[in-house]
Every structure is written in structure tokens, then in C-alpha cells.
Amino acid sequence: MNNIYVRKENDKVVLIYKDLKVTAYIGKNGFTKDKTEGDWKTPIGEFELGVAFGKYDSIDTKLPYIKIEDDMYWVDDVNSDEYNELIKTSIKPMFSVEHLIDYVENAYEYAIEIKTNPDNIKGKGSAIFLHCKRKDYTAGCVAIEKEDMEKLIGMIDSDTKIIIEG
């Protein structure tokens, strides 16, 4: 089994990968089969993983890894040609973006892109990640405790997929 599973069990959500089974946190408004930008829901489906990123120069992972720097943003503006893309720019964009470095001390200490919208279709969701827990809910991402995220990111590889069952 090389897949990560996220599912409801009893009254909580869990993330399961091999012998790792931990509490997971999802979008404030639950799961959805029809993700839209800003709905605060976690998309259901089978997804590939993209780039891993975080605050460290390097980490123990088999995924492509990028250290977050001050000039890195993830575009969530549906009117941008760079929608749902990681961009680097020395000037803060005039459109809606997530400034990744603002979250490195909590959520993005360790993070992995979940490719829920690989074709970057405008309005179908952006910046969906598997990351460290910050609150008891997310804006649509999947989050787990930092210690669990550190273990998981060292266990998976580029063939690993995430299956979010809802």
C-alpha cells in the first residue's frame, strides 16, 4: 500500500499511511465532490502529490523539496493567469496570493502540494496542501500534527497518492 487515506471514522477524521494512523483536520465546511475556490471544503478524490516545501534547507524526503523563501507565493486569484501556481517575485503581487513564508512557523513547517486541480482550472480550488496542524480546521487542506507530518514526509515518495474519501 503506497497510498495515503483520509477518511471519517466514527466522529473524527483520520489519515492512514501504512502503520501510521493519526487524527486529521480538514476544511471548516467538511468534504466536497465539487470543489470551488473559497468554499472552505476539502475535495474528495484520488490525487497525486506535488512538491514538498517547508522552512528547512533540506529534509528527509523522496519528494522534490523547496525551502520557502520570502519571495514565494501561491496564487489563489481566479482572475490571474498564474492561478493555482507557485510563483517567485520580489514585488508582492497585486492579485490574491498566499505568502507562504507567513505560515512557516506553524502550518508550512512541513507541507506537500495535493494536486486536486492539476490543470489549474480557474475557480476549482487552489493551494490545497497536506500540512502541519494550525487549528482544528483548515480552509480546504488536510492537516496533521507536526510530529506526524515530519514522519509521513520521510516515508512517502513520488509514487504515493492521497485518497480523500470523505
Foldseek 3Di string as FASTA:
>chain_A
DQEWEWEDDDHFIWIDDPPDIFGKAFFPVEEDCQAFQQPSHAYAFKWFWAEKEAQDPDAQAQHHYDYQDQQWWAACFLPDPRHQHIDGDPDPDPHDIHRVVVCRVAWRNIKIHTPPPVVRNRGRDHDAIETADDDRHGSHHMHGHPVSRSVVRNPHHRVYMYGYHD
